[in-house]
Amino acid sequence: MSLFTLILTIFGASQVYWAWRALRFLSKRVPSRSRRWGWIAGSLLVYGFLLVYSFGSFRRPTPVHLTLPEALFTAPFMTWFAASFVGALLALILAIPQSIVGLGRWIADRRRPPEKAIASPERRVFLARTAQVVTAAPFFAGAYGLLYGRLNLETPTQRIPLARLPKGFDGFRIAQLSDIHIGPFMPAEQIRKYADIANALKPDLIVLTGDFVTFDGKTQDAVVEVLSGLTAPFGVFGCLGNHDAWCLVEDSITTLFRERGIRILRGEAVPLTIQGESINLIGTDFQSHRRFGSSPAVPNLLGNIEPLIVRDRVNILLSHNPDTFDRAAELGIDLSMAGHTHGGQAALEFISPEIAPSRLVTPYVAGLFQKPGGRLYVNRGIGTIGIPIRIGAPPEITIYQLTRV
């Protein structure tokens, strides 16, 4: 069974659970059977429409502005998709201890005379209300992630000490944007706003680390247009992500960016020079050591950039996939900048650092990592994919300040 089939199966089971909850609710509050069936039929029609419309959006041309149908239909249903899945899972988890307690009470009551049976209505009411609160929490969290979390931009400054950094680059500032994913929930207007914010931070260099589009390659013109407003003294450079490859726009979007003065590095390096001293900026297309969707596995990660590494200079790598970090550190690349994970997009790292969906595929979810040979920073990106929410993983534009040790 594929992962996609498994997810759909579990989602289907969760919908059966919520249908059962809805039927119980109606049976208590709508005594008329005919009216109940009317509610059921109406609900099924609305649910079916939202299901077909929302998942049909993956086959329709992607709008680059927020449209009324996307706001009224797709956003609520995709939020329901995630929240109902998690809520049903929490209900199942809560049902296990409740069942154990209930079984224990039943066994104890069977061994006592009827007049000595243990009655605990207060406890049952407490457990029932606790279950209601817990299973409702994902829906409130989903609404938060849709209306606020995905727009709560952060601009952290990350100090990066580099032993070989030339004196002229001490204090050099680099702004990173990643995972743009232009679409109705990251419209052109919002991207332009973020580009203005990046410019206002006054970096010396701006880098873009891939996934400019999502599933529709025709959106490439719009995303290039709004990002062309980025400007920095040392220019704007970038690399490509897996979605750019899946949409078959790697060559075309590279050309469009070049025409707007932005250079996409595809297995290429460029020196950045101050007062006769340089650092080496390298970029590569999406690479993975295992098959990732339609992207084949790359047996020799970063093999295409090994000849580009300058051993006596600071080397900075733009690579969309953070999993290339292990090999980059082995090669002595001082700093890798990546994206790809969205920081988990819906993460509960304030509870535990391990609770993020992206940890299922990579140990490098968000933030700064270090190992012998180099450092990695994983940017959470500004866009979303699939479900337009962010929880515990706010969008970010990262500012790196390079310093001499």
Protein backbone atom coordinates (compact mmCIF):
# COMPACT_ATOMS: atom_id res chain seq x y z
CA MET A 1 0.00 0.00 0.00
CA SER A 2 1.40 3.40 -0.98
CA LEU A 3 1.67 6.23 1.54
CA PHE A 4 -0.98 8.20 -0.37
CA THR A 5 -3.41 5.24 -0.24
CA LEU A 6 -2.74 4.78 3.47
CA ILE A 7 -3.44 8.46 4.18
CA LEU A 8 -6.70 8.32 2.21
CA THR A 9 -7.75 5.14 4.05
CA ILE A 10 -7.12 6.70 7.46
CA PHE A 11 -8.87 9.88 6.37
CA GLY A 12 -11.87 7.83 5.22
CA ALA A 13 -12.01 6.12 8.60
CA SER A 14 -11.88 9.50 10.35
CA GLN A 15 -14.82 10.73 8.25
CA VAL A 16 -16.85 7.67 9.28
CA TYR A 17 -16.13 8.60 12.90
CA TRP A 18 -17.33 12.20 12.44
CA ALA A 19 -20.41 11.01 10.52
CA TRP A 20 -21.25 8.80 13.50
CA ARG A 21 -20.78 11.77 15.85
CA ALA A 22 -23.03 13.90 13.65
CA LEU A 23 -25.76 11.24 13.60
CA ARG A 24 -25.70 11.00 17.39
CA PHE A 25 -25.94 14.78 17.63
CA LEU A 26 -28.92 14.90 15.25
CA SER A 27 -30.74 12.02 16.93
CA LYS A 28 -30.68 13.92 20.24
CA ARG A 29 -31.70 17.31 18.89
CA VAL A 30 -33.90 16.55 15.87
CA PRO A 31 -36.61 14.10 16.99
CA SER A 32 -38.39 14.03 13.61
CA ARG A 33 -36.99 11.25 11.44
CA SER A 34 -37.92 13.03 8.20
CA ARG A 35 -36.18 16.23 9.30
CA ARG A 36 -33.13 14.19 10.35
CA TRP A 37 -32.92 12.64 6.90
CA GLY A 38 -33.24 16.09 5.38
CA TRP A 39 -30.28 17.30 7.42
CA ILE A 40 -28.30 14.19 6.47
CA ALA A 41 -29.04 14.56 2.75
CA GLY A 42 -28.19 18.27 2.78
CA SER A 43 -24.96 17.69 4.69
CA LEU A 44 -23.88 14.95 2.28
CA LEU A 45 -24.52 17.18 -0.71
CA VAL A 46 -22.47 20.03 0.78
CA TYR A 47 -19.70 17.67 1.88
CA GLY A 48 -19.56 16.00 -1.54
CA PHE A 49 -19.38 19.35 -3.32
CA LEU A 50 -16.56 20.62 -1.08
CA LEU A 51 -14.66 17.34 -1.46
CA VAL A 52 -14.87 17.32 -5.26
CA TYR A 53 -14.16 21.04 -5.60
CA SER A 54 -11.21 21.08 -3.20
CA PHE A 55 -9.41 18.03 -4.57
CA GLY A 56 -10.28 19.10 -8.10
CA SER A 57 -8.12 22.17 -7.54
CA PHE A 58 -5.06 19.97 -8.07
CA ARG A 59 -6.20 19.48 -11.69
CA ARG A 60 -7.39 23.03 -12.41
CA PRO A 61 -5.11 25.93 -13.36
CA THR A 62 -3.76 27.45 -10.16
CA PRO A 63 -4.88 31.05 -9.57
CA VAL A 64 -2.13 33.42 -8.46
CA HIS A 65 -4.60 35.58 -6.54
CA LEU A 66 -7.00 34.61 -3.76
CA THR A 67 -10.35 33.93 -5.41
CA LEU A 68 -13.75 33.81 -3.71
CA PRO A 69 -14.29 30.05 -4.41
CA GLU A 70 -10.87 29.20 -2.96
CA ALA A 71 -11.60 31.27 0.15
CA LEU A 72 -15.15 29.94 0.64
CA PHE A 73 -14.68 26.30 -0.39
CA THR A 74 -11.07 25.10 -0.60
CA ALA A 75 -9.67 26.78 2.52
CA PRO A 76 -12.39 25.56 4.95
CA PHE A 77 -12.46 22.04 3.52
CA MET A 78 -8.69 21.54 3.51
CA THR A 79 -8.59 22.84 7.08
CA TRP A 80 -11.36 20.35 7.92
CA PHE A 81 -9.33 17.64 6.16
CA ALA A 82 -6.40 18.13 8.54
CA ALA A 83 -8.35 18.91 11.72
CA SER A 84 -10.83 16.04 11.37
CA PHE A 85 -7.97 13.60 10.78
CA VAL A 86 -6.12 14.71 13.93
CA GLY A 87 -9.33 15.03 15.97
CA ALA A 88 -10.41 11.47 15.14
CA LEU A 89 -6.93 10.20 16.01
CA LEU A 90 -7.06 11.96 19.39
CA ALA A 91 -10.53 10.51 20.01
CA LEU A 92 -9.13 7.04 19.35
CA ILE A 93 -6.23 7.62 21.72
CA LEU A 94 -8.58 8.86 24.45
CA ALA A 95 -10.94 5.93 23.89
CA ILE A 96 -8.24 3.41 24.86
CA PRO A 97 -7.84 4.47 28.55
CA GLN A 98 -11.58 5.15 28.79
CA SER A 99 -12.29 1.61 27.60
CA ILE A 100 -9.77 0.16 30.04
CA VAL A 101 -11.33 2.08 32.94
CA GLY A 102 -14.83 1.09 31.84
CA LEU A 103 -13.86 -2.56 31.53
CA GLY A 104 -12.27 -2.50 34.98
CA ARG A 105 -15.40 -0.92 36.49
CA TRP A 106 -17.63 -3.50 34.75
CA ILE A 107 -15.54 -6.38 36.07
CA ALA A 108 -15.58 -4.90 39.58
CA ASP A 109 -19.35 -4.39 39.44
CA ARG A 110 -19.85 -7.99 38.31
CA ARG A 111 -18.13 -9.18 41.47
CA ARG A 112 -20.23 -7.01 43.79
CA PRO A 113 -23.86 -7.27 44.76
CA PRO A 114 -26.04 -4.89 42.67
CA GLU A 115 -26.68 -2.64 45.66
CA LYS A 116 -22.90 -2.09 46.05
CA ALA A 117 -22.14 -1.34 42.40
CA ILE A 118 -19.91 1.69 41.89
CA ALA A 119 -21.70 4.65 40.31
CA SER A 120 -19.56 7.54 39.07
CA PRO A 121 -21.64 9.80 36.81
CA GLU A 122 -19.42 12.80 37.61
CA ARG A 123 -16.36 10.97 36.37
CA ARG A 124 -18.12 9.90 33.18
CA VAL A 125 -19.27 13.46 32.54
CA PHE A 126 -15.74 14.76 33.18
CA LEU A 127 -14.20 12.23 30.80
CA ALA A 128 -16.80 12.95 28.13
CA ARG A 129 -16.24 16.70 28.36
CA THR A 130 -12.46 16.25 28.33
CA ALA A 131 -12.78 14.17 25.16
CA GLN A 132 -14.95 16.87 23.56
CA VAL A 133 -12.41 19.59 24.36
CA VAL A 134 -9.45 17.55 23.13
CA THR A 135 -11.10 16.48 19.87
CA ALA A 136 -12.28 20.05 19.22
CA ALA A 137 -8.79 21.51 19.74
CA PRO A 138 -7.50 20.61 16.23
CA PHE A 139 -10.36 22.59 14.65
CA PHE A 140 -9.46 25.73 16.63
CA ALA A 141 -5.79 25.15 15.83
CA GLY A 142 -6.64 24.74 12.14
CA ALA A 143 -8.56 28.02 12.09
CA TYR A 144 -5.61 29.73 13.80
CA GLY A 145 -3.17 28.25 11.30
CA LEU A 146 -5.30 29.36 8.35
CA LEU A 147 -6.17 32.88 9.46
CA TYR A 148 -3.01 33.85 11.39
CA GLY A 149 -0.25 31.23 11.56
CA ARG A 150 0.48 31.12 7.82
CA LEU A 151 0.83 34.93 7.70
CA ASN A 152 2.79 35.49 10.92
CA LEU A 153 6.09 36.26 9.21
CA GLU A 154 9.31 36.17 11.22
CA THR A 155 12.64 37.71 10.18
CA PRO A 156 15.24 36.09 12.45
CA THR A 157 18.89 37.12 12.29
CA GLN A 158 21.31 34.21 12.40
CA ARG A 159 24.92 34.97 13.24
CA ILE A 160 27.29 32.65 11.35
CA PRO A 161 30.95 32.64 12.47
CA LEU A 162 33.29 31.42 9.72
CA ALA A 163 36.97 30.85 10.39
CA ARG A 164 38.15 31.62 6.84
CA LEU A 165 35.92 34.63 6.24
CA PRO A 166 37.83 37.49 4.59
CA LYS A 167 38.02 40.70 6.61
CA GLY A 168 35.96 42.63 4.07
CA PHE A 169 33.02 40.22 4.55
CA ASP A 170 32.86 40.63 8.34
CA GLY A 171 29.24 41.62 8.99
CA PHE A 172 28.11 40.68 5.45
CA ARG A 173 24.32 40.17 5.44
CA ILE A 174 22.43 37.63 3.35
CA ALA A 175 18.62 37.41 3.16
CA GLN A 176 17.05 34.04 2.28
CA LEU A 177 13.54 33.40 0.96
CA SER A 178 12.41 29.86 0.23
CA ASP A 179 9.41 27.74 -0.76
CA ILE A 180 7.37 30.50 -2.34
CA HIS A 181 4.62 28.22 -3.71
CA ILE A 182 2.69 30.95 -5.48
CA GLY A 183 -1.05 30.25 -5.51
CA PRO A 184 -4.34 31.42 -4.01
CA PHE A 185 -3.00 31.14 -0.45
CA MET A 186 0.35 32.73 -1.30
CA PRO A 187 -0.88 35.21 -3.90
CA ALA A 188 1.28 37.52 -5.96
CA GLU A 189 0.33 40.48 -3.77
CA GLN A 190 1.59 38.74 -0.62
CA ILE A 191 4.85 37.68 -2.27
CA ARG A 192 5.41 41.28 -3.41
CA LYS A 193 4.87 42.39 0.20
CA TYR A 194 7.48 39.88 1.42
CA ALA A 195 9.90 41.02 -1.29
CA ASP A 196 9.51 44.58 -0.02
CA ILE A 197 10.18 43.38 3.53
CA ALA A 198 13.33 41.58 2.37
CA ASN A 199 14.55 44.73 0.61
CA ALA A 200 13.82 46.84 3.70
CA LEU A 201 16.11 44.57 5.76
CA LYS A 202 18.94 45.94 3.58
CA PRO A 203 20.90 42.74 2.99
CA ASP A 204 24.09 42.74 0.94
CA LEU A 205 22.91 39.64 -0.95
CA ILE A 206 19.54 37.91 -1.45
CA VAL A 207 19.22 34.17 -2.11
CA LEU A 208 16.17 32.12 -3.14
CA THR A 209 16.16 28.39 -2.38
CA GLY A 210 13.52 26.91 -4.66
CA ASP A 211 9.92 25.75 -5.00
CA PHE A 212 8.68 28.86 -6.74
CA VAL A 213 5.65 26.99 -8.14
CA THR A 214 3.61 24.08 -6.76
CA PHE A 215 1.67 21.95 -9.25
CA ASP A 216 1.01 24.36 -12.11
CA GLY A 217 3.97 25.45 -14.20
CA LYS A 218 1.94 28.23 -15.80
CA THR A 219 2.29 30.25 -12.60
CA GLN A 220 6.01 30.74 -13.24
CA ASP A 221 5.58 34.08 -15.03
CA ALA A 222 3.68 35.60 -12.12
CA VAL A 223 6.13 34.45 -9.44
CA VAL A 224 9.14 35.68 -11.43
CA GLU A 225 7.47 39.05 -11.96
CA VAL A 226 6.85 39.70 -8.26
CA LEU A 227 10.27 38.41 -7.17
CA SER A 228 11.99 40.59 -9.75
CA GLY A 229 11.44 43.47 -7.33
CA LEU A 230 14.14 42.04 -5.04
CA THR A 231 17.34 44.05 -5.01
CA ALA A 232 20.65 43.91 -3.17
CA PRO A 233 24.14 45.37 -3.75
CA PHE A 234 25.67 41.95 -4.53
CA GLY A 235 22.65 40.76 -6.49
CA VAL A 236 19.98 38.06 -6.20
CA PHE A 237 20.84 34.38 -6.73
CA GLY A 238 18.89 31.17 -6.32
CA CYS A 239 18.50 27.45 -6.85
CA LEU A 240 15.54 25.28 -7.84
CA GLY A 241 13.33 22.93 -5.81
CA ASN A 242 11.54 19.65 -6.38
CA HIS A 243 8.25 21.30 -7.36
CA ASP A 244 10.02 23.32 -10.03
CA ALA A 245 11.33 20.03 -11.42
CA TRP A 246 7.95 18.26 -11.13
CA CYS A 247 6.27 21.08 -13.06
CA LEU A 248 8.97 20.84 -15.77
CA VAL A 249 9.85 24.53 -15.52
CA GLU A 250 13.53 24.28 -14.53
CA ASP A 251 14.83 25.61 -17.85
CA SER A 252 12.05 28.11 -18.53
CA ILE A 253 11.96 29.66 -15.07
CA THR A 254 15.74 29.96 -15.09
CA THR A 255 15.48 31.92 -18.33
CA LEU A 256 12.68 34.11 -16.98
CA PHE A 257 14.70 34.94 -13.87
CA ARG A 258 17.81 35.71 -15.93
CA GLU A 259 15.82 38.17 -18.03
CA ARG A 260 14.88 39.96 -14.76
CA GLY A 261 18.45 40.08 -13.46
CA ILE A 262 18.19 37.11 -11.05
CA ARG A 263 20.65 34.26 -11.57
CA ILE A 264 19.62 30.69 -10.81
CA LEU A 265 22.68 28.54 -10.09
CA ARG A 266 22.25 25.03 -11.50
CA GLY A 267 25.47 23.22 -10.69
CA GLU A 268 27.28 26.54 -10.94
CA ALA A 269 29.40 28.78 -8.74
CA VAL A 270 29.96 32.53 -8.65
CA PRO A 271 32.61 34.46 -6.68
CA LEU A 272 31.56 37.39 -4.51
CA THR A 273 34.43 39.83 -4.12
CA ILE A 274 35.21 42.65 -1.68
CA GLN A 275 38.56 44.44 -1.72
CA GLY A 276 40.14 41.72 -3.83
CA GLU A 277 39.04 38.85 -1.52
CA SER A 278 36.25 36.42 -2.39
CA ILE A 279 33.80 33.90 -1.06
CA ASN A 280 32.36 31.18 -3.28
CA LEU A 281 28.57 30.90 -3.79
CA ILE A 282 27.41 27.55 -5.24
CA GLY A 283 23.93 26.43 -6.29
CA THR A 284 22.47 23.07 -7.31
CA ASP A 285 19.15 21.66 -8.45
CA PHE A 286 17.05 19.47 -6.14
CA GLN A 287 18.91 16.29 -5.18
CA SER A 288 17.91 13.41 -2.92
CA HIS A 289 19.61 10.14 -1.96
CA ARG A 290 16.24 8.39 -2.32
CA ARG A 291 13.45 8.63 -4.86
CA PHE A 292 11.23 11.60 -4.01
CA GLY A 293 7.97 11.62 -5.95
CA SER A 294 8.88 11.87 -9.61
CA SER A 295 12.46 12.84 -8.73
CA PRO A 296 14.87 9.89 -9.13
CA ALA A 297 17.43 9.06 -6.46
CA VAL A 298 20.87 10.62 -6.93
CA PRO A 299 23.53 8.00 -6.10
CA ASN A 300 26.33 10.56 -5.72
CA LEU A 301 24.90 13.55 -3.87
CA LEU A 302 26.51 16.86 -4.84
CA GLY A 303 28.86 15.08 -7.23
CA ASN A 304 28.12 17.81 -9.77
CA ILE A 305 29.47 20.57 -7.54
CA GLU A 306 32.62 18.95 -6.17
CA PRO A 307 34.81 20.61 -8.87
CA LEU A 308 33.28 23.99 -7.99
CA ILE A 309 34.48 24.00 -4.38
CA VAL A 310 37.40 26.38 -3.76
CA ARG A 311 39.41 24.91 -0.92
CA ASP A 312 41.07 28.10 0.31
CA ARG A 313 37.84 30.15 0.41
CA VAL A 314 34.56 30.16 2.28
CA ASN A 315 32.03 28.08 0.28
CA ILE A 316 28.29 28.69 0.63
CA LEU A 317 25.84 26.21 -0.93
CA LEU A 318 22.26 26.85 -2.02
CA SER A 319 20.50 23.46 -2.02
CA HIS A 320 16.73 23.16 -1.66
CA ASN A 321 16.91 19.76 0.03
CA PRO A 322 18.53 19.85 3.51
CA ASP A 323 19.40 16.16 3.20
CA THR A 324 22.40 17.16 1.10
CA PHE A 325 23.99 18.61 4.25
CA ASP A 326 25.72 15.40 5.33
CA ARG A 327 27.60 15.24 2.02
CA ALA A 328 28.17 19.01 1.99
CA ALA A 329 29.85 18.82 5.40
CA GLU A 330 32.06 15.97 4.17
CA LEU A 331 33.09 18.14 1.23
CA GLY A 332 33.98 21.01 3.57
CA ILE A 333 31.24 23.43 2.49
CA ASP A 334 31.18 26.03 5.24
CA LEU A 335 27.48 26.94 5.10
CA SER A 336 24.50 25.27 3.42
CA MET A 337 21.20 27.11 2.99
CA ALA A 338 18.11 24.98 2.40
CA GLY A 339 14.31 24.96 2.61
CA HIS A 340 11.92 22.22 1.46
CA THR A 341 10.42 21.23 4.84
CA HIS A 342 8.31 24.35 5.60
CA GLY A 343 9.50 23.74 9.17
CA GLY A 344 6.97 20.92 9.31
CA GLN A 345 4.20 23.42 8.38
CA ALA A 346 2.08 22.01 11.23
CA ALA A 347 4.49 21.31 14.07
CA LEU A 348 4.18 21.00 17.83
CA GLU A 349 7.83 21.58 18.63
CA PHE A 350 6.87 23.76 21.60
CA ILE A 351 5.79 20.44 23.16
CA SER A 352 8.64 18.31 21.78
CA PRO A 353 11.26 18.92 19.07
CA GLU A 354 10.30 15.57 17.55
CA ILE A 355 6.66 16.45 16.78
CA ALA A 356 6.78 17.67 13.19
CA PRO A 357 5.56 15.77 10.11
CA SER A 358 8.77 16.56 8.24
CA ARG A 359 10.77 14.47 10.71
CA LEU A 360 9.32 11.44 8.95
CA VAL A 361 11.55 12.24 5.97
CA THR A 362 14.48 14.29 7.31
CA PRO A 363 16.21 15.09 10.63
CA TYR A 364 16.79 18.64 9.36
CA VAL A 365 13.39 20.30 9.75
CA ALA A 366 14.13 23.90 10.68
CA GLY A 367 16.83 26.11 12.09
CA LEU A 368 20.59 25.79 12.49
CA PHE A 369 22.52 22.52 12.44
CA GLN A 370 26.22 21.93 12.81
CA LYS A 371 28.59 19.02 12.32
CA PRO A 372 32.31 18.70 11.59
CA GLY A 373 32.96 20.36 8.26
CA GLY A 374 30.12 22.84 8.10
CA ARG A 375 26.80 24.34 9.12
CA LEU A 376 23.28 24.13 7.73
CA TYR A 377 20.33 26.46 8.13
CA VAL A 378 16.87 25.26 7.09
CA ASN A 379 14.51 28.12 6.28
CA ARG A 380 10.78 27.47 6.96
CA GLY A 381 9.77 29.20 3.72
CA ILE A 382 6.86 31.55 3.19
CA GLY A 383 4.34 29.40 1.30
CA THR A 384 2.29 26.32 2.11
CA ILE A 385 1.41 23.18 0.22
CA GLY A 386 -1.77 21.09 0.25
CA ILE A 387 -3.35 22.48 3.40
CA PRO A 388 -3.08 26.29 3.75
CA ILE A 389 -2.21 26.37 7.43
CA ARG A 390 0.89 26.85 9.57
CA ILE A 391 0.96 25.85 13.22
CA GLY A 392 4.15 26.17 15.24
CA ALA A 393 6.10 26.81 12.02
CA PRO A 394 5.64 30.47 11.04
CA PRO A 395 6.90 31.68 7.66
CA GLU A 396 10.29 33.32 7.70
CA ILE A 397 12.77 35.45 5.84
CA THR A 398 16.16 34.64 7.32
CA ILE A 399 18.97 37.17 7.68
CA TYR A 400 22.45 35.70 7.99
CA GLN A 401 25.23 37.86 9.40
CA LEU A 402 28.62 36.42 8.50
CA THR A 403 31.32 37.10 11.07
CA ARG A 404 34.97 36.29 11.52
CA VAL A 405 35.73 33.94 14.39
